[in-house]
């Protein structure tokens, strides 16, 4: 029973890590879009990755 609980907790923690990374990436892209809009620039922003990990 302890093994089942431990496996469940590990699975949840790994899943939340990916969720946090995805959320941070989305927030960064939204911030870049706001910054470009404030500066009056246009573009889809598709060529820059800024070193963000891709999973």
N, C-alpha and C. Protein backbone atom coordinates (compact mmCIF):
# COMPACT_ATOMS: atom_id res chain seq x y z
N UNK A 1 0.82 -1.19 0.00
CA UNK A 1 0.00 0.00 0.00
C UNK A 1 0.87 1.26 0.00
N UNK A 2 1.97 1.23 0.74
CA UNK A 2 2.86 2.39 0.78
C UNK A 2 3.49 2.62 -0.60
N UNK A 3 3.77 1.54 -1.31
CA UNK A 3 4.35 1.67 -2.65
C UNK A 3 3.37 2.35 -3.60
N UNK A 4 2.11 2.01 -3.50
CA UNK A 4 1.10 2.62 -4.36
C UNK A 4 0.99 4.12 -4.07
N UNK A 5 0.97 4.48 -2.81
CA UNK A 5 0.88 5.89 -2.43
C UNK A 5 2.13 6.65 -2.88
N UNK A 6 3.30 6.06 -2.69
CA UNK A 6 4.54 6.71 -3.11
C UNK A 6 4.57 6.91 -4.63
N UNK A 7 4.15 5.91 -5.38
CA UNK A 7 4.11 6.01 -6.84
C UNK A 7 3.14 7.11 -7.28
N UNK A 8 2.00 7.18 -6.62
CA UNK A 8 1.01 8.20 -6.92
C UNK A 8 1.57 9.61 -6.66
N UNK A 9 2.24 9.79 -5.54
CA UNK A 9 2.80 11.10 -5.20
C UNK A 9 3.91 11.51 -6.17
N UNK A 10 4.72 10.56 -6.58
CA UNK A 10 5.78 10.86 -7.54
C UNK A 10 5.18 11.25 -8.89
N UNK A 11 4.14 10.54 -9.31
CA UNK A 11 3.49 10.86 -10.59
C UNK A 11 2.88 12.26 -10.55
N UNK A 12 2.27 12.63 -9.45
CA UNK A 12 1.68 13.96 -9.33
C UNK A 12 2.76 15.04 -9.34
N UNK A 13 3.86 14.80 -8.65
CA UNK A 13 4.91 15.82 -8.59
C UNK A 13 5.56 16.02 -9.96
N UNK A 14 5.75 14.96 -10.72
CA UNK A 14 6.32 15.09 -12.06
C UNK A 14 5.36 15.82 -12.99
N UNK A 15 4.10 15.53 -12.87
CA UNK A 15 3.09 16.18 -13.71
C UNK A 15 3.03 17.67 -13.39
N UNK A 16 3.08 18.03 -12.13
CA UNK A 16 3.01 19.45 -11.77
C UNK A 16 4.24 20.20 -12.24
N UNK A 17 5.37 19.55 -12.33
CA UNK A 17 6.58 20.19 -12.81
C UNK A 17 6.40 20.61 -14.27
N UNK A 18 5.87 19.71 -15.09
CA UNK A 18 5.62 20.05 -16.49
C UNK A 18 4.58 21.15 -16.61
N UNK A 19 3.58 21.13 -15.76
CA UNK A 19 2.56 22.17 -15.79
C UNK A 19 3.18 23.51 -15.44
N UNK A 20 4.05 23.55 -14.47
CA UNK A 20 4.69 24.80 -14.06
C UNK A 20 5.57 25.34 -15.18
N UNK A 21 6.30 24.47 -15.85
CA UNK A 21 7.15 24.90 -16.96
C UNK A 21 6.30 25.46 -18.09
N UNK A 22 5.21 24.79 -18.41
CA UNK A 22 4.32 25.27 -19.46
C UNK A 22 3.69 26.61 -19.12
N UNK A 23 3.28 26.77 -17.88
CA UNK A 23 2.69 28.03 -17.44
C UNK A 23 3.71 29.16 -17.53
N UNK A 24 4.93 28.90 -17.10
CA UNK A 24 5.98 29.92 -17.16
C UNK A 24 6.27 30.30 -18.60
N UNK A 25 6.28 29.33 -19.51
CA UNK A 25 6.54 29.62 -20.92
C UNK A 25 5.41 30.47 -21.51
N UNK A 26 4.16 30.15 -21.17
CA UNK A 26 3.03 30.93 -21.65
C UNK A 26 3.07 32.36 -21.13
N UNK A 27 3.43 32.52 -19.86
CA UNK A 27 3.51 33.86 -19.27
C UNK A 27 4.62 34.67 -19.92
N UNK A 28 5.74 34.02 -20.23
CA UNK A 28 6.85 34.71 -20.89
C UNK A 28 6.42 35.19 -22.27
N UNK A 29 5.72 34.34 -23.03
CA UNK A 29 5.28 34.72 -24.36
C UNK A 29 4.26 35.85 -24.30
N UNK A 30 3.37 35.82 -23.32
CA UNK A 30 2.40 36.90 -23.16
C UNK A 30 3.11 38.21 -22.82
N UNK A 31 4.10 38.14 -21.97
CA UNK A 31 4.87 39.34 -21.62
C UNK A 31 5.61 39.91 -22.81
N UNK A 32 6.18 39.05 -23.64
CA UNK A 32 6.86 39.52 -24.83
C UNK A 32 5.88 40.18 -25.79
N UNK A 33 4.69 39.62 -25.90
CA UNK A 33 3.66 40.21 -26.76
C UNK A 33 3.24 41.58 -26.26
N UNK A 34 3.07 41.71 -24.95
CA UNK A 34 2.72 43.01 -24.38
C UNK A 34 3.84 44.03 -24.58
N UNK A 35 5.06 43.58 -24.44
CA UNK A 35 6.20 44.48 -24.63
C UNK A 35 6.27 44.97 -26.07
N UNK A 36 6.07 44.07 -27.03
CA UNK A 36 6.09 44.47 -28.43
C UNK A 36 4.95 45.42 -28.74
N UNK A 37 3.76 45.16 -28.16
CA UNK A 37 2.62 46.04 -28.38
C UNK A 37 2.89 47.42 -27.80
N UNK A 38 3.54 47.48 -26.64
CA UNK A 38 3.84 48.76 -26.02
C UNK A 38 4.87 49.54 -26.82
N UNK A 39 5.76 48.84 -27.49
CA UNK A 39 6.79 49.50 -28.29
C UNK A 39 6.31 49.77 -29.71
N UNK A 40 5.13 49.27 -30.06
CA UNK A 40 4.59 49.50 -31.39
C UNK A 40 5.12 48.56 -32.44
N UNK A 41 5.72 47.47 -32.04
CA UNK A 41 6.24 46.50 -32.99
C UNK A 41 5.16 45.48 -33.31
N UNK A 42 5.28 44.87 -34.49
CA UNK A 42 4.36 43.81 -34.86
C UNK A 42 5.18 42.59 -35.26
N UNK A 43 4.53 41.43 -35.18
CA UNK A 43 5.20 40.19 -35.54
C UNK A 43 4.68 39.07 -34.68
N UNK A 44 4.89 37.84 -35.16
CA UNK A 44 4.38 36.70 -34.42
C UNK A 44 5.36 36.22 -33.38
N UNK A 45 6.57 36.68 -33.39
CA UNK A 45 7.56 36.29 -32.39
C UNK A 45 8.05 34.89 -32.58
N UNK A 46 7.84 34.29 -33.75
CA UNK A 46 8.20 32.89 -33.98
C UNK A 46 9.65 32.66 -34.27
N UNK A 47 10.65 32.95 -34.09
CA UNK A 47 12.00 32.64 -34.34
C UNK A 47 12.84 32.69 -33.10
N UNK A 48 12.37 33.37 -32.11
CA UNK A 48 13.14 33.47 -30.87
C UNK A 48 12.63 32.46 -29.85
N UNK A 49 13.58 31.87 -29.16
CA UNK A 49 13.19 30.91 -28.12
C UNK A 49 13.68 31.36 -26.75
N UNK A 50 14.65 32.23 -26.72
CA UNK A 50 15.17 32.78 -25.48
C UNK A 50 15.69 31.70 -24.52
N UNK A 51 16.07 30.53 -25.04
CA UNK A 51 16.65 29.50 -24.22
C UNK A 51 15.67 28.72 -23.37
N UNK A 52 14.39 28.82 -23.65
CA UNK A 52 13.39 28.08 -22.86
C UNK A 52 13.46 26.60 -23.23
N UNK A 53 13.37 25.73 -22.25
CA UNK A 53 13.41 24.30 -22.55
C UNK A 53 12.15 23.85 -23.28
N UNK A 54 12.32 22.93 -24.20
CA UNK A 54 11.20 22.39 -24.96
C UNK A 54 11.06 20.93 -24.62
N UNK A 55 9.89 20.55 -24.15
CA UNK A 55 9.64 19.16 -23.78
C UNK A 55 8.61 18.56 -24.67
